[in-house]
Protein backbone atom coordinates (compact mmCIF):
# COMPACT_ATOMS: atom_id res chain seq x y z
CA MET A 1 134.02 141.94 12.07
CA ASP A 2 135.59 145.21 10.99
CA ASP A 3 135.92 146.25 14.64
CA VAL A 4 137.71 142.99 15.45
CA ARG A 5 140.09 143.46 12.53
CA SER A 6 140.79 147.05 13.54
CA ALA A 7 141.50 146.03 17.13
CA PHE A 8 143.80 143.22 15.96
CA ALA A 9 145.64 145.59 13.59
CA ALA A 10 146.08 148.15 16.37
CA ARG A 11 147.38 145.48 18.75
CA SER A 12 149.81 144.16 16.13
CA SER A 13 151.02 147.69 15.40
CA ALA A 14 151.59 148.37 19.12
CA GLN A 15 153.51 145.11 19.51
CA ALA A 16 155.67 145.92 16.48
CA SER A 17 156.31 149.41 17.81
CA THR A 18 157.33 148.06 21.21
CA ALA A 19 159.61 145.47 19.63
CA THR A 20 161.22 148.15 17.46
CA LEU A 21 161.76 150.45 20.43
CA LEU A 22 163.21 147.60 22.50
CA GLY A 23 165.62 146.82 19.68
CA GLN A 24 166.68 150.46 19.44
CA VAL A 25 167.18 150.81 23.18
CA MET A 26 169.14 147.60 23.60
CA PHE A 27 171.33 148.42 20.58
CA LEU A 28 172.21 151.76 22.19
CA VAL A 29 172.93 149.99 25.49
CA ALA A 30 175.12 147.38 23.79
CA VAL A 31 177.20 150.01 21.99
CA ALA A 32 177.51 152.06 25.20
CA ILE A 33 178.81 148.97 27.01
CA ALA A 34 181.29 148.42 24.16
CA PHE A 35 182.55 152.00 24.56
CA MET A 36 182.88 151.47 28.30
CA ALA A 37 184.82 148.24 27.74
CA LEU A 38 187.12 150.06 25.34
CA GLY A 39 187.65 152.73 27.97
CA THR A 40 188.55 150.19 30.65
CA TYR A 41 191.17 148.68 28.33
CA VAL A 42 192.67 152.02 27.30
CA GLY A 43 192.64 153.33 30.87
CA ARG A 44 194.00 150.23 32.60
CA GLU A 45 197.35 151.88 33.37
CA LEU A 46 196.05 155.31 34.41
CA SER A 47 196.99 156.62 37.83
CA THR A 48 194.38 156.42 40.54
CA GLY A 49 194.03 160.20 40.69
CA THR A 50 193.51 160.55 36.95
CA ALA A 51 191.04 157.67 36.89
CA ARG A 52 189.08 159.19 39.76
CA ILE A 53 188.81 162.52 37.93
CA LEU A 54 187.62 160.80 34.74
CA SER A 55 185.06 158.75 36.68
CA PHE A 56 183.49 161.76 38.31
CA ALA A 57 183.59 163.60 34.98
CA GLY A 58 181.60 160.72 33.50
CA PHE A 59 179.06 160.86 36.31
CA GLY A 60 178.89 164.62 35.86
CA MET A 61 178.00 164.03 32.20
CA LEU A 62 175.18 161.74 33.33
CA ILE A 63 173.83 164.42 35.64
CA ALA A 64 174.08 167.02 32.86
CA ALA A 65 172.03 164.77 30.58
CA ALA A 66 169.37 164.51 33.28
CA PHE A 67 168.88 168.29 33.23
CA VAL A 68 169.57 169.20 29.59
CA GLN A 69 166.99 167.72 27.22
CA ARG A 70 169.16 168.25 24.13
CA LEU A 71 171.61 165.72 25.59
CA ARG A 72 168.89 163.05 25.59
CA VAL A 73 167.64 163.23 22.01
CA GLY A 74 168.95 162.97 18.47
CA PRO A 75 172.53 162.47 17.30
CA LEU A 76 173.85 164.72 20.08
CA GLY A 77 172.16 162.53 22.68
CA ILE A 78 173.62 159.36 21.17
CA GLY A 79 177.09 160.87 21.01
CA TRP A 80 176.78 162.13 24.59
CA LEU A 81 175.76 158.66 25.80
CA TYR A 82 178.73 157.02 24.10
CA ALA A 83 181.16 159.70 25.30
CA THR A 84 179.83 159.27 28.84
CA ALA A 85 180.27 155.49 28.63
CA LEU A 86 183.82 155.92 27.37
CA MET A 87 184.65 158.35 30.17
CA ILE A 88 183.26 156.01 32.82
CA GLY A 89 185.22 153.15 31.25
CA LEU A 90 188.47 155.13 31.39
CA GLY A 91 187.85 155.81 35.07
CA LEU A 92 187.16 152.14 35.71
CA GLY A 93 190.33 151.02 33.92
CA PRO A 94 192.65 150.68 36.96
CA VAL A 95 189.85 149.12 39.04
CA ILE A 96 189.09 146.43 36.47
CA ALA A 97 192.83 145.86 35.95
CA TYR A 98 193.22 145.30 39.69
CA PHE A 99 190.44 142.71 39.79
CA VAL A 100 191.73 140.97 36.65
CA ALA A 101 195.15 140.64 38.27
CA ASN A 102 194.01 139.70 41.77
CA HIS A 103 190.41 138.40 41.61
CA PRO A 104 189.73 137.25 38.02
CA SER A 105 186.86 135.01 39.10
CA ALA A 106 185.08 138.05 40.56
CA ILE A 107 184.95 139.61 37.08
CA THR A 108 183.34 136.50 35.61
CA GLN A 109 180.88 136.12 38.47
CA ALA A 110 179.92 139.80 38.40
CA ALA A 111 179.40 139.75 34.62
CA GLY A 112 177.28 136.61 34.82
CA GLY A 113 175.27 137.94 37.75
CA THR A 114 174.68 141.22 35.93
CA ALA A 115 173.44 139.46 32.78
CA LEU A 116 171.12 137.25 34.84
CA THR A 117 169.77 140.19 36.84
CA VAL A 118 169.12 142.37 33.81
CA THR A 119 167.39 139.53 31.97
CA ALA A 120 165.21 138.60 34.94
CA MET A 121 164.25 142.14 35.97
CA GLY A 122 163.70 143.25 32.37
CA ALA A 123 161.38 140.29 31.80
CA LEU A 124 159.56 141.13 35.03
CA GLY A 125 159.07 144.72 33.90
CA PHE A 126 157.56 143.53 30.62
CA ALA A 127 155.36 140.91 32.30
CA LEU A 128 153.85 143.07 35.04
CA SER A 129 150.40 144.40 34.17
CA LYS A 130 150.75 147.17 36.76
CA ASP A 131 151.98 150.49 35.44
CA LEU A 132 155.20 151.29 37.31
CA ALA A 133 155.62 154.77 35.80
CA PRO A 134 154.76 156.53 39.12
CA PHE A 135 157.85 154.90 40.66
CA MET A 136 160.20 156.24 38.00
CA ARG A 137 160.62 159.74 39.42
CA PRO A 138 161.42 158.77 43.04
CA LEU A 139 163.77 156.02 41.89
CA SER A 140 165.42 158.43 39.44
CA LEU A 141 166.03 160.86 42.29
CA LEU A 142 167.61 158.10 44.34
CA VAL A 143 169.94 157.26 41.45
CA PHE A 144 171.93 160.40 42.23
CA ALA A 145 172.76 158.94 45.63
CA VAL A 146 173.63 155.71 43.83
CA ILE A 147 176.04 157.54 41.54
CA VAL A 148 177.79 159.17 44.51
CA SER A 149 178.02 155.84 46.31
CA ILE A 150 179.39 154.10 43.24
CA GLY A 151 181.97 156.86 42.92
CA LEU A 152 183.10 156.16 46.46
CA MET A 153 183.20 152.43 45.78
CA LEU A 154 185.27 152.67 42.60
CA PHE A 155 188.57 153.12 44.38
CA THR A 156 187.80 151.24 47.59
CA THR A 157 188.36 147.51 47.50
CA GLY A 158 186.45 145.66 50.16
CA ALA A 159 183.71 148.31 50.27
CA ASN A 160 180.87 147.90 52.75
CA PRO A 161 178.79 144.98 51.41
CA ILE A 162 175.60 146.59 52.72
CA ILE A 163 176.15 149.56 50.40
CA SER A 164 176.75 147.17 47.51
CA ILE A 165 173.53 145.28 48.27
CA ILE A 166 171.49 148.49 48.50
CA ILE A 167 172.86 149.72 45.19
CA TYR A 168 172.21 146.33 43.61
CA VAL A 169 168.58 146.24 44.75
CA LEU A 170 167.88 149.84 43.72
CA SER A 171 169.46 149.37 40.29
CA ALA A 172 167.57 146.12 39.71
CA ALA A 173 164.34 147.95 40.57
CA LEU A 174 165.22 150.69 38.08
CA ILE A 175 165.73 148.05 35.38
CA THR A 176 162.22 146.73 36.03
CA VAL A 177 160.67 150.20 35.95
CA ASP A 178 162.51 151.17 32.76
CA PHE A 179 161.39 148.07 30.87
CA ASN A 180 157.84 148.46 32.18
CA TYR A 181 157.79 152.08 31.00
CA LEU A 182 159.21 151.05 27.63
CA ARG A 183 156.38 148.59 27.13
CA LYS A 184 153.51 150.78 28.32
CA HIS A 185 154.52 154.35 27.41
CA GLY A 186 157.74 154.33 25.41
CA THR A 187 158.12 156.02 22.04
CA GLU A 188 161.13 156.46 19.77
CA ALA A 189 161.72 159.84 21.42
CA ASP A 190 162.40 157.98 24.70
CA ALA A 191 165.01 155.58 23.27
CA ILE A 192 168.16 157.48 24.29
CA TRP A 193 167.20 158.35 27.86
CA LEU A 194 165.81 154.86 28.45
CA ALA A 195 169.06 153.40 27.12
CA THR A 196 171.04 155.74 29.38
CA GLY A 197 169.05 154.67 32.43
CA ILE A 198 169.43 150.98 31.64
CA PHE A 199 173.15 151.43 30.96
CA VAL A 200 173.68 153.20 34.31
CA SER A 201 171.77 150.47 36.13
CA ILE A 202 173.88 147.78 34.44
CA VAL A 203 177.09 149.53 35.49
CA ASN A 204 175.80 149.90 39.06
CA ILE A 205 174.78 146.24 39.25
CA PHE A 206 178.12 145.07 37.86
CA LEU A 207 180.18 147.18 40.25
CA SER A 208 178.04 146.15 43.21
CA LEU A 209 178.48 142.47 42.40
CA LEU A 210 182.17 143.01 41.73
CA ASN A 211 182.60 144.42 45.23
CA LEU A 212 180.59 141.56 46.74
CA PHE A 213 182.37 138.77 44.86
CA GLY A 214 185.74 140.43 45.29
CA GLU A 215 185.57 140.40 49.08
């Protein structure tokens, strides 16, 4: 009986820990998205050249965080994530302004499609019994190509739909892997870098759908 109680207590503790970590990660993601939205509003009238520089600066900050551990933990990591989101938002300002003025329905469709994709793939990651951690490294390496491709897409309306579809699929897969890792291996020390990965995937999915719906 004591063994059963101990096992139940351990299971309950693990579930509570996972729920707490999920709450922390999604809070960080939500605030990062808010900073990005603020950036898109503030940067809506920036010139294309300035916006392009800010966009690549934001992506450079993401790459820096991938190599510098101090940028993925603690208050510095949180501040770096929010600053990165703001920088990316500033770079996206003219792009979003263009779609709002010329293809407003594309914004709504892309936002809805992004929310649906993240919900579905996140749920899949949690539900799968298979440990997807071995896929994290190769997919993380591919994300650098995704970042470069997104950078090229930012200022090119009517971008190749095949590129958009590839980026969409890869980013959706990363969402699944991140949520699976969160459930099976995640600790509070992983909250910031998991939130960063999920945030990047959300941005990639949104921009991919925006290009597809804005055709």
